[in-house]
Structures are given as structure tokens and as C-alpha cells.
PDB file of N, CA and C in Angstrom:
ATOM      1  N   MET A   1      23.011  -5.807 -56.080  1.00  0.00           N
ATOM      2  CA  MET A   1      23.313  -4.966 -57.220  1.00  0.00           C
ATOM      3  C   MET A   1      24.674  -4.339 -56.983  1.00  0.00           C
ATOM      4  N   THR A   2      25.549  -4.497 -57.903  1.00  0.00           N
ATOM      5  CA  THR A   2      26.874  -3.883 -57.806  1.00  0.00           C
ATOM      6  C   THR A   2      26.995  -2.826 -58.889  1.00  0.00           C
ATOM      7  N   ALA A   3      27.843  -1.904 -58.630  1.00  0.00           N
ATOM      8  CA  ALA A   3      28.012  -0.809 -59.584  1.00  0.00           C
ATOM      9  C   ALA A   3      29.369  -0.933 -60.250  1.00  0.00           C
ATOM     10  N   SER A   4      29.350  -0.656 -61.486  1.00  0.00           N
ATOM     11  CA  SER A   4      30.631  -0.612 -62.176  1.00  0.00           C
ATOM     12  C   SER A   4      31.152   0.812 -62.120  1.00  0.00           C
ATOM     13  N   PRO A   5      32.468   0.987 -62.099  1.00  0.00           N
ATOM     14  CA  PRO A   5      33.017   2.339 -62.013  1.00  0.00           C
ATOM     15  C   PRO A   5      32.511   3.209 -63.154  1.00  0.00           C
ATOM     16  N   GLY A   6      32.050   4.411 -62.778  1.00  0.00           N
ATOM     17  CA  GLY A   6      31.609   5.368 -63.791  1.00  0.00           C
ATOM     18  C   GLY A   6      30.178   5.176 -64.222  1.00  0.00           C
ATOM     19  N   SER A   7      29.462   4.172 -63.706  1.00  0.00           N
ATOM     20  CA  SER A   7      28.088   3.953 -64.147  1.00  0.00           C
ATOM     21  C   SER A   7      27.112   4.884 -63.442  1.00  0.00           C
ATOM     22  N   GLY A   8      27.507   5.467 -62.281  1.00  0.00           N
ATOM     23  CA  GLY A   8      26.621   6.373 -61.561  1.00  0.00           C
ATOM     24  C   GLY A   8      25.652   5.652 -60.642  1.00  0.00           C
ATOM     25  N   LEU A   9      25.669   4.332 -60.625  1.00  0.00           N
ATOM     26  CA  LEU A   9      24.780   3.574 -59.749  1.00  0.00           C
ATOM     27  C   LEU A   9      25.463   3.320 -58.418  1.00  0.00           C
ATOM     28  N   PRO A  10      24.678   3.275 -57.353  1.00  0.00           N
ATOM     29  CA  PRO A  10      25.284   3.026 -56.042  1.00  0.00           C
ATOM     30  C   PRO A  10      25.795   1.604 -55.930  1.00  0.00           C
ATOM     31  N   GLY A  11      26.857   1.448 -55.146  1.00  0.00           N
ATOM     32  CA  GLY A  11      27.407   0.128 -54.908  1.00  0.00           C
ATOM     33  C   GLY A  11      26.710  -0.531 -53.736  1.00  0.00           C
ATOM     34  N   PRO A  12      27.147  -1.707 -53.342  1.00  0.00           N
ATOM     35  CA  PRO A  12      26.561  -2.381 -52.194  1.00  0.00           C
ATOM     36  C   PRO A  12      26.712  -1.539 -50.935  1.00  0.00           C
ATOM     37  N   TYR A  13      25.830  -1.747 -49.963  1.00  0.00           N
ATOM     38  CA  TYR A  13      25.826  -0.956 -48.731  1.00  0.00           C
ATOM     39  C   TYR A  13      27.182  -1.044 -48.045  1.00  0.00           C
ATOM     40  N   GLY A  14      27.691   0.093 -47.639  1.00  0.00           N
ATOM     41  CA  GLY A  14      28.940   0.147 -46.904  1.00  0.00           C
ATOM     42  C   GLY A  14      30.188   0.066 -47.763  1.00  0.00           C
ATOM     43  N   SER A  15      30.020  -0.048 -49.058  1.00  0.00           N
ATOM     44  CA  SER A  15      31.207  -0.183 -49.899  1.00  0.00           C
ATOM     45  C   SER A  15      31.721   1.164 -50.399  1.00  0.00           C
ATOM     46  N   GLY A  16      30.930   2.216 -50.195  1.00  0.00           N
ATOM     47  CA  GLY A  16      31.334   3.535 -50.664  1.00  0.00           C
ATOM     48  C   GLY A  16      32.519   4.046 -49.864  1.00  0.00           C
ATOM     49  N   GLY A  17      33.399   4.777 -50.484  1.00  0.00           N
ATOM     50  CA  GLY A  17      34.560   5.311 -49.786  1.00  0.00           C
ATOM     51  C   GLY A  17      34.150   6.381 -48.789  1.00  0.00           C
ATOM     52  N   GLY A  18      34.471   6.174 -47.512  1.00  0.00           N
ATOM     53  CA  GLY A  18      34.184   7.176 -46.486  1.00  0.00           C
ATOM     54  C   GLY A  18      32.739   7.221 -46.030  1.00  0.00           C
ATOM     55  N   GLY A  19      31.891   6.356 -46.561  1.00  0.00           N
ATOM     56  CA  GLY A  19      30.483   6.338 -46.154  1.00  0.00           C
ATOM     57  C   GLY A  19      30.340   5.774 -44.747  1.00  0.00           C
ATOM     58  N   ALA A  20      29.366   6.289 -44.017  1.00  0.00           N
ATOM     59  CA  ALA A  20      29.134   5.813 -42.650  1.00  0.00           C
ATOM     60  C   ALA A  20      28.305   4.533 -42.692  1.00  0.00           C
ATOM     61  N   ASN A  21      28.696   3.577 -41.877  1.00  0.00           N
ATOM     62  CA  ASN A  21      27.876   2.372 -41.802  1.00  0.00           C
ATOM     63  C   ASN A  21      26.878   2.528 -40.667  1.00  0.00           C
ATOM     64  N   LEU A  22      25.993   1.579 -40.522  1.00  0.00           N
ATOM     65  CA  LEU A  22      24.910   1.648 -39.541  1.00  0.00           C
ATOM     66  C   LEU A  22      25.443   1.763 -38.112  1.00  0.00           C
ATOM     67  N   ALA A  23      26.504   1.037 -37.787  1.00  0.00           N
ATOM     68  CA  ALA A  23      27.070   1.093 -36.439  1.00  0.00           C
ATOM     69  C   ALA A  23      27.584   2.493 -36.120  1.00  0.00           C
ATOM     70  N   ASP A  24      28.226   3.154 -37.088  1.00  0.00           N
ATOM     71  CA  ASP A  24      28.717   4.519 -36.874  1.00  0.00           C
ATOM     72  C   ASP A  24      27.560   5.490 -36.641  1.00  0.00           C
ATOM     73  N   ILE A  25      26.516   5.346 -37.438  1.00  0.00           N
ATOM     74  CA  ILE A  25      25.354   6.228 -37.303  1.00  0.00           C
ATOM     75  C   ILE A  25      24.702   6.022 -35.940  1.00  0.00           C
ATOM     76  N   LEU A  26      24.515   4.766 -35.556  1.00  0.00           N
ATOM     77  CA  LEU A  26      23.911   4.467 -34.262  1.00  0.00           C
ATOM     78  C   LEU A  26      24.759   5.006 -33.113  1.00  0.00           C
ATOM     79  N   GLU A  27      26.063   4.867 -33.226  1.00  0.00           N
ATOM     80  CA  GLU A  27      26.960   5.383 -32.191  1.00  0.00           C
ATOM     81  C   GLU A  27      26.831   6.897 -32.065  1.00  0.00           C
ATOM     82  N   ARG A  28      26.748   7.583 -33.196  1.00  0.00           N
ATOM     83  CA  ARG A  28      26.608   9.043 -33.166  1.00  0.00           C
ATOM     84  C   ARG A  28      25.275   9.464 -32.542  1.00  0.00           C
ATOM     85  N   VAL A  29      24.201   8.771 -32.933  1.00  0.00           N
ATOM     86  CA  VAL A  29      22.878   9.110 -32.399  1.00  0.00           C
ATOM     87  C   VAL A  29      22.835   8.885 -30.897  1.00  0.00           C
ATOM     88  N   LEU A  30      23.358   7.751 -30.441  1.00  0.00           N
ATOM     89  CA  LEU A  30      23.329   7.469 -29.009  1.00  0.00           C
ATOM     90  C   LEU A  30      24.236   8.406 -28.231  1.00  0.00           C
ATOM     91  N   ASP A  31      25.345   8.812 -28.839  1.00  0.00           N
ATOM     92  CA  ASP A  31      26.278   9.716 -28.164  1.00  0.00           C
ATOM     93  C   ASP A  31      25.704  11.119 -28.041  1.00  0.00           C
ATOM     94  N   LYS A  32      25.102  11.617 -29.092  1.00  0.00           N
ATOM     95  CA  LYS A  32      24.572  12.980 -29.101  1.00  0.00           C
ATOM     96  C   LYS A  32      23.121  13.042 -28.648  1.00  0.00           C
ATOM     97  N   GLY A  33      22.353  12.011 -28.983  1.00  0.00           N
ATOM     98  CA  GLY A  33      20.925  12.007 -28.689  1.00  0.00           C
ATOM     99  C   GLY A  33      20.152  12.655 -29.820  1.00  0.00           C
ATOM    100  N   ILE A  34      18.916  12.253 -29.970  1.00  0.00           N
ATOM    101  CA  ILE A  34      18.054  12.825 -31.003  1.00  0.00           C
ATOM    102  C   ILE A  34      16.645  12.925 -30.420  1.00  0.00           C
ATOM    103  N   VAL A  35      15.960  14.005 -30.717  1.00  0.00           N
ATOM    104  CA  VAL A  35      14.602  14.221 -30.231  1.00  0.00           C
ATOM    105  C   VAL A  35      13.686  14.349 -31.431  1.00  0.00           C
ATOM    106  N   ILE A  36      12.607  13.595 -31.392  1.00  0.00           N
ATOM    107  CA  ILE A  36      11.594  13.674 -32.439  1.00  0.00           C
ATOM    108  C   ILE A  36      10.299  14.065 -31.735  1.00  0.00           C
ATOM    109  N   ALA A  37       9.695  15.143 -32.165  1.00  0.00           N
ATOM    110  CA  ALA A  37       8.475  15.630 -31.523  1.00  0.00           C
ATOM    111  C   ALA A  37       7.424  15.893 -32.582  1.00  0.00           C
ATOM    112  N   GLY A  38       6.192  15.634 -32.223  1.00  0.00           N
ATOM    113  CA  GLY A  38       5.115  15.898 -33.159  1.00  0.00           C
ATOM    114  C   GLY A  38       3.779  15.919 -32.444  1.00  0.00           C
ATOM    115  N   ASP A  39       2.841  16.631 -33.006  1.00  0.00           N
ATOM    116  CA  ASP A  39       1.483  16.709 -32.477  1.00  0.00           C
ATOM    117  C   ASP A  39       0.511  16.309 -33.569  1.00  0.00           C
ATOM    118  N   ILE A  40      -0.492  15.559 -33.185  1.00  0.00           N
ATOM    119  CA  ILE A  40      -1.553  15.175 -34.112  1.00  0.00           C
ATOM    120  C   ILE A  40      -2.846  15.723 -33.534  1.00  0.00           C
ATOM    121  N   LYS A  41      -3.537  16.534 -34.320  1.00  0.00           N
ATOM    122  CA  LYS A  41      -4.818  17.093 -33.875  1.00  0.00           C
ATOM    123  C   LYS A  41      -5.886  16.716 -34.881  1.00  0.00           C
ATOM    124  N   ILE A  42      -7.013  16.267 -34.344  1.00  0.00           N
ATOM    125  CA  ILE A  42      -8.150  15.925 -35.193  1.00  0.00           C
ATOM    126  C   ILE A  42      -9.281  16.885 -34.848  1.00  0.00           C
ATOM    127  N   ASN A  43      -9.665  17.674 -35.833  1.00  0.00           N
ATOM    128  CA  ASN A  43     -10.738  18.663 -35.657  1.00  0.00           C
ATOM    129  C   ASN A  43     -11.893  18.330 -36.586  1.00  0.00           C
ATOM    130  N   LEU A  44     -13.096  18.643 -36.129  1.00  0.00           N
ATOM    131  CA  LEU A  44     -14.289  18.501 -36.951  1.00  0.00           C
ATOM    132  C   LEU A  44     -15.078  19.793 -36.797  1.00  0.00           C
ATOM    133  N   LEU A  45     -15.191  20.548 -37.860  1.00  0.00           N
ATOM    134  CA  LEU A  45     -15.887  21.831 -37.840  1.00  0.00           C
ATOM    135  C   LEU A  45     -15.356  22.748 -36.732  1.00  0.00           C
ATOM    136  N   ASP A  46     -14.064  22.909 -36.688  1.00  0.00           N
ATOM    137  CA  ASP A  46     -13.365  23.751 -35.711  1.00  0.00           C
ATOM    138  C   ASP A  46     -13.569  23.307 -34.263  1.00  0.00           C
ATOM    139  N   ILE A  47     -13.967  22.045 -34.069  1.00  0.00           N
ATOM    140  CA  ILE A  47     -14.077  21.480 -32.722  1.00  0.00           C
ATOM    141  C   ILE A  47     -12.982  20.435 -32.592  1.00  0.00           C
ATOM    142  N   GLU A  48     -12.124  20.646 -31.607  1.00  0.00           N
ATOM    143  CA  GLU A  48     -11.005  19.718 -31.419  1.00  0.00           C
ATOM    144  C   GLU A  48     -11.523  18.437 -30.782  1.00  0.00           C
ATOM    145  N   LEU A  49     -11.392  17.340 -31.497  1.00  0.00           N
ATOM    146  CA  LEU A  49     -11.866  16.057 -30.998  1.00  0.00           C
ATOM    147  C   LEU A  49     -10.777  15.259 -30.304  1.00  0.00           C
ATOM    148  N   LEU A  50      -9.553  15.367 -30.809  1.00  0.00           N
ATOM    149  CA  LEU A  50      -8.471  14.546 -30.279  1.00  0.00           C
ATOM    150  C   LEU A  50      -7.141  15.247 -30.508  1.00  0.00           C
ATOM    151  N   THR A  51      -6.313  15.215 -29.480  1.00  0.00           N
ATOM    152  CA  THR A  51      -4.953  15.733 -29.602  1.00  0.00           C
ATOM    153  C   THR A  51      -4.009  14.673 -29.058  1.00  0.00           C
ATOM    154  N   ILE A  52      -3.025  14.323 -29.847  1.00  0.00           N
ATOM    155  CA  ILE A  52      -2.006  13.364 -29.425  1.00  0.00           C
ATOM    156  C   ILE A  52      -0.654  14.057 -29.540  1.00  0.00           C
ATOM    157  N   LYS A  53       0.062  14.089 -28.432  1.00  0.00           N
ATOM    158  CA  LYS A  53       1.390  14.692 -28.435  1.00  0.00           C
ATOM    159  C   LYS A  53       2.410  13.564 -28.333  1.00  0.00           C
ATOM    160  N   LEU A  54       3.292  13.496 -29.301  1.00  0.00           N
ATOM    161  CA  LEU A  54       4.313  12.462 -29.345  1.00  0.00           C
ATOM    162  C   LEU A  54       5.682  13.084 -29.104  1.00  0.00           C
ATOM    163  N   ARG A  55       6.431  12.481 -28.212  1.00  0.00           N
ATOM    164  CA  ARG A  55       7.808  12.907 -27.956  1.00  0.00           C
ATOM    165  C   ARG A  55       8.661  11.652 -27.892  1.00  0.00           C
ATOM    166  N   LEU A  56       9.686  11.603 -28.678  1.00  0.00           N
ATOM    167  CA  LEU A  56      10.578  10.451 -28.721  1.00  0.00           C
ATOM    168  C   LEU A  56      12.010  10.931 -28.558  1.00  0.00           C
ATOM    169  N   ILE A  57      12.687  10.358 -27.592  1.00  0.00           N
ATOM    170  CA  ILE A  57      14.096  10.692 -27.376  1.00  0.00           C
ATOM    171  C   ILE A  57      14.892   9.412 -27.539  1.00  0.00           C
ATOM    172  N   VAL A  58      15.876   9.448 -28.402  1.00  0.00           N
ATOM    173  CA  VAL A  58      16.766   8.315 -28.594  1.00  0.00           C
ATOM    174  C   VAL A  58      18.153   8.769 -28.162  1.00  0.00           C
ATOM    175  N   ALA A  59      18.653   8.118 -27.109  1.00  0.00           N
ATOM    176  CA  ALA A  59      19.973   8.485 -26.586  1.00  0.00           C
ATOM    177  C   ALA A  59      20.494   7.330 -25.749  1.00  0.00           C
ATOM    178  N   SER A  60      21.767   7.350 -25.484  1.00  0.00           N
ATOM    179  CA  SER A  60      22.336   6.339 -24.595  1.00  0.00           C
ATOM    180  C   SER A  60      21.888   6.654 -23.160  1.00  0.00           C
ATOM    181  N   ILE A  61      22.005   5.686 -22.281  1.00  0.00           N
ATOM    182  CA  ILE A  61      21.622   5.896 -20.884  1.00  0.00           C
ATOM    183  C   ILE A  61      22.460   6.996 -20.267  1.00  0.00           C
ATOM    184  N   ASP A  62      23.747   6.998 -20.567  1.00  0.00           N
ATOM    185  CA  ASP A  62      24.624   8.036 -20.014  1.00  0.00           C
ATOM    186  C   ASP A  62      24.196   9.425 -20.476  1.00  0.00           C
ATOM    187  N   LYS A  63      23.885   9.556 -21.755  1.00  0.00           N
ATOM    188  CA  LYS A  63      23.468  10.849 -22.301  1.00  0.00           C
ATOM    189  C   LYS A  63      22.131  11.268 -21.700  1.00  0.00           C
ATOM    190  N   ALA A  64      21.199  10.314 -21.557  1.00  0.00           N
ATOM    191  CA  ALA A  64      19.892  10.635 -20.971  1.00  0.00           C
ATOM    192  C   ALA A  64      20.055  11.119 -19.537  1.00  0.00           C
ATOM    193  N   LYS A  65      20.891  10.433 -18.752  1.00  0.00           N
ATOM    194  CA  LYS A  65      21.132  10.866 -17.374  1.00  0.00           C
ATOM    195  C   LYS A  65      21.768  12.249 -17.351  1.00  0.00           C
ATOM    196  N   GLU A  66      22.655  12.505 -18.292  1.00  0.00           N
ATOM    197  CA  GLU A  66      23.303  13.817 -18.383  1.00  0.00           C
ATOM    198  C   GLU A  66      22.256  14.906 -18.648  1.00  0.00           C
ATOM    199  N   MET A  67      21.195  14.558 -19.395  1.00  0.00           N
ATOM    200  CA  MET A  67      20.119  15.503 -19.695  1.00  0.00           C
ATOM    201  C   MET A  67      19.095  15.569 -18.566  1.00  0.00           C
ATOM    202  N   GLY A  68      19.280  14.738 -17.522  1.00  0.00           N
ATOM    203  CA  GLY A  68      18.358  14.758 -16.393  1.00  0.00           C
ATOM    204  C   GLY A  68      17.173  13.829 -16.556  1.00  0.00           C
ATOM    205  N   ILE A  69      17.278  12.892 -17.468  1.00  0.00           N
ATOM    206  CA  ILE A  69      16.187  11.943 -17.705  1.00  0.00           C
ATOM    207  C   ILE A  69      16.588  10.603 -17.098  1.00  0.00           C
ATOM    208  N   ASP A  70      15.830  10.170 -16.091  1.00  0.00           N
ATOM    209  CA  ASP A  70      16.137   8.886 -15.458  1.00  0.00           C
ATOM    210  C   ASP A  70      14.875   8.223 -14.892  1.00  0.00           C
ATOM    211  N   TRP A  71      13.743   8.439 -15.551  1.00  0.00           N
ATOM    212  CA  TRP A  71      12.469   7.926 -15.057  1.00  0.00           C
ATOM    213  C   TRP A  71      12.444   6.408 -14.939  1.00  0.00           C
ATOM    214  N   TRP A  72      13.214   5.709 -15.725  1.00  0.00           N
ATOM    215  CA  TRP A  72      13.200   4.243 -15.693  1.00  0.00           C
ATOM    216  C   TRP A  72      13.768   3.692 -14.381  1.00  0.00           C
ATOM    217  N   GLU A  73      14.572   4.498 -13.681  1.00  0.00           N
ATOM    218  CA  GLU A  73      15.156   4.029 -12.427  1.00  0.00           C
ATOM    219  C   GLU A  73      14.113   3.898 -11.321  1.00  0.00           C
ATOM    220  N   ASP A  74      13.004   4.642 -11.439  1.00  0.00           N
ATOM    221  CA  ASP A  74      11.948   4.604 -10.434  1.00  0.00           C
ATOM    222  C   ASP A  74      10.743   3.783 -10.872  1.00  0.00           C
ATOM    223  N   ASP A  75      10.785   3.207 -12.052  1.00  0.00           N
ATOM    224  CA  ASP A  75       9.670   2.419 -12.576  1.00  0.00           C
ATOM    225  C   ASP A  75       9.861   0.951 -12.197  1.00  0.00           C
ATOM    226  N   PRO A  76       8.981   0.403 -11.348  1.00  0.00           N
ATOM    227  CA  PRO A  76       9.148  -0.988 -10.905  1.00  0.00           C
ATOM    228  C   PRO A  76       9.116  -2.009 -12.049  1.00  0.00           C
ATOM    229  N   ALA A  77       8.479  -1.652 -13.150  1.00  0.00           N
ATOM    230  CA  ALA A  77       8.427  -2.575 -14.283  1.00  0.00           C
ATOM    231  C   ALA A  77       9.765  -2.641 -15.018  1.00  0.00           C
ATOM    232  N   LEU A  78      10.614  -1.638 -14.827  1.00  0.00           N
ATOM    233  CA  LEU A  78      11.869  -1.571 -15.570  1.00  0.00           C
ATOM    234  C   LEU A  78      13.112  -1.693 -14.701  1.00  0.00           C
ATOM    235  N   SER A  79      12.977  -1.500 -13.389  1.00  0.00           N
ATOM    236  CA  SER A  79      14.142  -1.470 -12.517  1.00  0.00           C
ATOM    237  C   SER A  79      13.952  -2.417 -11.341  1.00  0.00           C
ATOM    238  N   THR A  80      14.910  -3.310 -11.151  1.00  0.00           N
ATOM    239  CA  THR A  80      14.811  -4.237 -10.014  1.00  0.00           C
ATOM    240  C   THR A  80      14.969  -3.491  -8.701  1.00  0.00           C
ATOM    241  N   GLY A  81      15.768  -2.440  -8.671  1.00  0.00           N
ATOM    242  CA  GLY A  81      15.921  -1.638  -7.460  1.00  0.00           C
ATOM    243  C   GLY A  81      14.606  -0.968  -7.070  1.00  0.00           C
ATOM    244  N   ALA A  82      13.909  -0.414  -8.066  1.00  0.00           N
ATOM    245  CA  ALA A  82      12.617   0.226  -7.807  1.00  0.00           C
ATOM    246  C   ALA A  82      11.590  -0.818  -7.382  1.00  0.00           C
ATOM    247  N   ARG A  83      11.668  -2.001  -7.990  1.00  0.00           N
ATOM    248  CA  ARG A  83      10.746  -3.080  -7.624  1.00  0.00           C
ATOM    249  C   ARG A  83      10.965  -3.492  -6.176  1.00  0.00           C
ATOM    250  N   ARG A  84      12.232  -3.619  -5.774  1.00  0.00           N
ATOM    251  CA  ARG A  84      12.536  -3.973  -4.380  1.00  0.00           C
ATOM    252  C   ARG A  84      12.051  -2.892  -3.426  1.00  0.00           C
ATOM    253  N   ALA A  85      12.252  -1.636  -3.787  1.00  0.00           N
ATOM    254  CA  ALA A  85      11.818  -0.531  -2.925  1.00  0.00           C
ATOM    255  C   ALA A  85      10.297  -0.533  -2.779  1.00  0.00           C
ATOM    256  N   GLU A  86       9.591  -0.777  -3.876  1.00  0.00           N
ATOM    257  CA  GLU A  86       8.125  -0.818  -3.816  1.00  0.00           C
ATOM    258  C   GLU A  86       7.648  -1.990  -2.963  1.00  0.00           C
ATOM    259  N   LEU A  87       8.290  -3.154  -3.127  1.00  0.00           N
ATOM    260  CA  LEU A  87       7.917  -4.314  -2.318  1.00  0.00           C
ATOM    261  C   LEU A  87       8.206  -4.073  -0.837  1.00  0.00           C
ATOM    262  N   SER A  88       9.314  -3.424  -0.532  1.00  0.00           N
ATOM    263  CA  SER A  88       9.640  -3.099   0.862  1.00  0.00           C
ATOM    264  C   SER A  88       8.610  -2.152   1.457  1.00  0.00           C
ATOM    265  N   ARG A  89       8.214  -1.150   0.682  1.00  0.00           N
ATOM    266  CA  ARG A  89       7.206  -0.194   1.144  1.00  0.00           C
ATOM    267  C   ARG A  89       5.873  -0.895   1.393  1.00  0.00           C
ATOM    268  N   GLU A  90       5.452  -1.736   0.430  1.00  0.00           N
ATOM    269  CA  GLU A  90       4.199  -2.483   0.600  1.00  0.00           C
ATOM    270  C   GLU A  90       4.276  -3.411   1.805  1.00  0.00           C
ATOM    271  N   ASN A  91       5.422  -4.049   1.981  1.00  0.00           N
ATOM    272  CA  ASN A  91       5.609  -4.952   3.112  1.00  0.00           C
ATOM    273  C   ASN A  91       5.471  -4.195   4.435  1.00  0.00           C
ATOM    274  N   ALA A  92       6.086  -3.020   4.531  1.00  0.00           N
ATOM    275  CA  ALA A  92       6.003  -2.213   5.753  1.00  0.00           C
ATOM    276  C   ALA A  92       4.560  -1.789   6.017  1.00  0.00           C
ATOM    277  N   GLU A  93       3.842  -1.380   4.957  1.00  0.00           N
ATOM    278  CA  GLU A  93       2.442  -0.985   5.119  1.00  0.00           C
ATOM    279  C   GLU A  93       1.592  -2.158   5.600  1.00  0.00           C
ATOM    280  N   LEU A  94       1.810  -3.334   5.022  1.00  0.00           N
ATOM    281  CA  LEU A  94       1.043  -4.514   5.424  1.00  0.00           C
ATOM    282  C   LEU A  94       1.350  -4.915   6.862  1.00  0.00           C
ATOM    283  N   ARG A  95       2.610  -4.823   7.251  1.00  0.00           N
ATOM    284  CA  ARG A  95       2.973  -5.143   8.637  1.00  0.00           C
ATOM    285  C   ARG A  95       2.297  -4.179   9.606  1.00  0.00           C
ATOM    286  N   GLN A  96       2.240  -2.901   9.238  1.00  0.00           N
ATOM    287  CA  GLN A  96       1.599  -1.908  10.093  1.00  0.00           C
ATOM    288  C   GLN A  96       0.101  -2.201  10.207  1.00  0.00           C
ATOM    289  N   ARG A  97      -0.543  -2.508   9.089  1.00  0.00           N
ATOM    290  CA  ARG A  97      -1.978  -2.827   9.114  1.00  0.00           C
ATOM    291  C   ARG A  97      -2.242  -4.079   9.946  1.00  0.00           C
ATOM    292  N   LEU A  98      -1.379  -5.079   9.802  1.00  0.00           N
ATOM    293  CA  LEU A  98      -1.530  -6.305  10.580  1.00  0.00           C
ATOM    294  C   LEU A  98      -1.385  -6.026  12.076  1.00  0.00           C
ATOM    295  N   ALA A  99      -0.412  -5.197  12.433  1.00  0.00           N
ATOM    296  CA  ALA A  99      -0.216  -4.847  13.851  1.00  0.00           C
ATOM    297  C   ALA A  99      -1.447  -4.129  14.396  1.00  0.00           C
ATOM    298  N   GLU A 100      -2.026  -3.217  13.601  1.00  0.00           N
ATOM    299  CA  GLU A 100      -3.234  -2.504  14.033  1.00  0.00           C
ATOM    300  C   GLU A 100      -4.401  -3.465  14.215  1.00  0.00           C
ATOM    301  N   LEU A 101      -4.564  -4.408  13.293  1.00  0.00           N
ATOM    302  CA  LEU A 101      -5.646  -5.391  13.410  1.00  0.00           C
ATOM    303  C   LEU A 101      -5.464  -6.286  14.623  1.00  0.00           C
ATOM    304  N   GLU A 102      -4.230  -6.699  14.864  1.00  0.00           N
ATOM    305  CA  GLU A 102      -3.963  -7.538  16.037  1.00  0.00           C
ATOM    306  C   GLU A 102      -4.224  -6.760  17.326  1.00  0.00           C
ATOM    307  N   GLU A 103      -3.882  -5.476  17.316  1.00  0.00           N
ATOM    308  CA  GLU A 103      -4.128  -4.640  18.495  1.00  0.00           C
ATOM    309  C   GLU A 103      -5.629  -4.501  18.744  1.00  0.00           C
ATOM    310  N   ARG A 104      -6.407  -4.275  17.678  1.00  0.00           N
ATOM    311  CA  ARG A 104      -7.868  -4.193  17.817  1.00  0.00           C
ATOM    312  C   ARG A 104      -8.443  -5.495  18.349  1.00  0.00           C
ATOM    313  N   LYS A 105      -7.954  -6.590  17.802  1.00  0.00           N
ATOM    314  CA  LYS A 105      -8.427  -7.916  18.217  1.00  0.00           C
ATOM    315  C   LYS A 105      -8.129  -8.150  19.697  1.00  0.00           C
ATOM    316  N   ALA A 106      -6.967  -7.719  20.168  1.00  0.00           N
ATOM    317  CA  ALA A 106      -6.590  -7.887  21.571  1.00  0.00           C
ATOM    318  C   ALA A 106      -7.450  -7.005  22.469  1.00  0.00           C
ATOM    319  N   LEU A 107      -7.912  -5.856  21.991  1.00  0.00           N
ATOM    320  CA  LEU A 107      -8.726  -4.951  22.786  1.00  0.00           C
ATOM    321  C   LEU A 107     -10.194  -5.381  22.849  1.00  0.00           C
ATOM    322  N   GLU A 108     -10.659  -6.159  21.884  1.00  0.00           N
ATOM    323  CA  GLU A 108     -12.066  -6.552  21.843  1.00  0.00           C
ATOM    324  C   GLU A 108     -12.542  -7.244  23.117  1.00  0.00           C
ATOM    325  N   PRO A 109     -11.843  -8.254  23.664  1.00  0.00           N
ATOM    326  CA  PRO A 109     -12.331  -8.891  24.890  1.00  0.00           C
ATOM    327  C   PRO A 109     -12.443  -7.906  26.054  1.00  0.00           C
ATOM    328  N   ALA A 110     -11.489  -6.999  26.182  1.00  0.00           N
ATOM    329  CA  ALA A 110     -11.531  -6.019  27.266  1.00  0.00           C
ATOM    330  C   ALA A 110     -12.713  -5.067  27.085  1.00  0.00           C
ATOM    331  N   GLN A 111     -12.988  -4.667  25.852  1.00  0.00           N
ATOM    332  CA  GLN A 111     -14.120  -3.782  25.582  1.00  0.00           C
ATOM    333  C   GLN A 111     -15.442  -4.505  25.844  1.00  0.00           C
ATOM    334  N   LYS A 112     -15.489  -5.790  25.477  1.00  0.00           N
ATOM    335  CA  LYS A 112     -16.686  -6.582  25.708  1.00  0.00           C
ATOM    336  C   LYS A 112     -16.968  -6.699  27.201  1.00  0.00           C
ATOM    337  N   GLU A 113     -15.933  -6.951  27.972  1.00  0.00           N
ATOM    338  CA  GLU A 113     -16.069  -7.084  29.424  1.00  0.00           C
ATOM    339  C   GLU A 113     -16.542  -5.773  30.039  1.00  0.00           C
ATOM    340  N   THR A 114     -16.014  -4.660  29.562  1.00  0.00           N
ATOM    341  CA  THR A 114     -16.420  -3.350  30.070  1.00  0.00           C
ATOM    342  C   THR A 114     -17.897  -3.102  29.778  1.00  0.00           C
ATOM    343  N   ARG A 115     -18.357  -3.454  28.575  1.00  0.00           N
ATOM    344  CA  ARG A 115     -19.769  -3.286  28.215  1.00  0.00           C
ATOM    345  C   ARG A 115     -20.680  -4.124  29.107  1.00  0.00           C
ATOM    346  N   GLU A 116     -20.257  -5.360  29.377  1.00  0.00           N
ATOM    347  CA  GLU A 116     -21.067  -6.249  30.224  1.00  0.00           C
ATOM    348  C   GLU A 116     -21.140  -5.717  31.646  1.00  0.00           C
ATOM    349  N   ARG A 117     -20.068  -5.153  32.156  1.00  0.00           N
ATOM    350  CA  ARG A 117     -20.071  -4.583  33.496  1.00  0.00           C
ATOM    351  C   ARG A 117     -21.041  -3.400  33.588  1.00  0.00           C
ATOM    352  N   ARG A 118     -21.069  -2.594  32.538  1.00  0.00           N
ATOM    353  CA  ARG A 118     -21.954  -1.433  32.521  1.00  0.00           C
ATOM    354  C   ARG A 118     -23.419  -1.864  32.511  1.00  0.00           C
ATOM    355  N   LYS A 119     -23.703  -2.976  31.829  1.00  0.00           N
ATOM    356  CA  LYS A 119     -25.074  -3.451  31.763  1.00  0.00           C
ATOM    357  C   LYS A 119     -25.561  -3.898  33.140  1.00  0.00           C
ATOM    358  N   ARG A 120     -24.689  -4.425  33.990  1.00  0.00           N
ATOM    359  CA  ARG A 120     -25.075  -4.947  35.308  1.00  0.00           C
ATOM    360  C   ARG A 120     -25.335  -3.850  36.235  1.00  0.00           C
TER     361      ARG A 120
END
């Protein structure tokens, strides 16, 4: 739909003089950040059955870090560095458990021999 001059109808998207296009709006939102918050409560006869708290933050990574938000850096599902750290930690724990099991296994014959000596 196109508008003829003076008709009062809007022209095609982005054709207005000085109007912001989608890229400009997105750039502004990511640069400044936007927070959307809301609560949903379901009550039945003044008894609260369900409460849902919604918080949505839309911002660039730089802006989020500036605000102190960086939870994705520690989430193994989202960060390869966090995934490597978790795998390293698990690997160290497994190596320690394996060493303990091997140590127990090595002590078993000596303990068995001690028990047999006591029986005699």
C-alpha cells in the first residue's frame, strides 16, 4: 500500500522522512537495554494457587556485562569455557575416585593375610 501526498495514509515501511527503521531501533535497544517484568498470580477464593514471575532483559553482551550480568559464561550449555572447566573438574574427581579404589584393592590382599594370621 502506498500513500499519495496529502491522503493521510501511511507510506511503505521505512519510507517516512526521519522515521527509524528496525535496525536503528534494535541498535538502540541493545545499546541501552530494556527490561520487561511481570507477575502472574492465579487465586481461587483468596487462596494463591500459582505465581509466575517473569523477567526479561534485552541488551547487548557488552551492556549486560556492564550491568553485572554474565551468567551465561558459567553455564556449560552455553559456554565452551565453562564446559571445559566442568569436564576438567569431573575428570579430576574421577581420577581421585579411581586412585582410592585402586588403593583399596591393593590393601585387600594384605588385610586378608592379616585376618588369616589372626585366625591361626
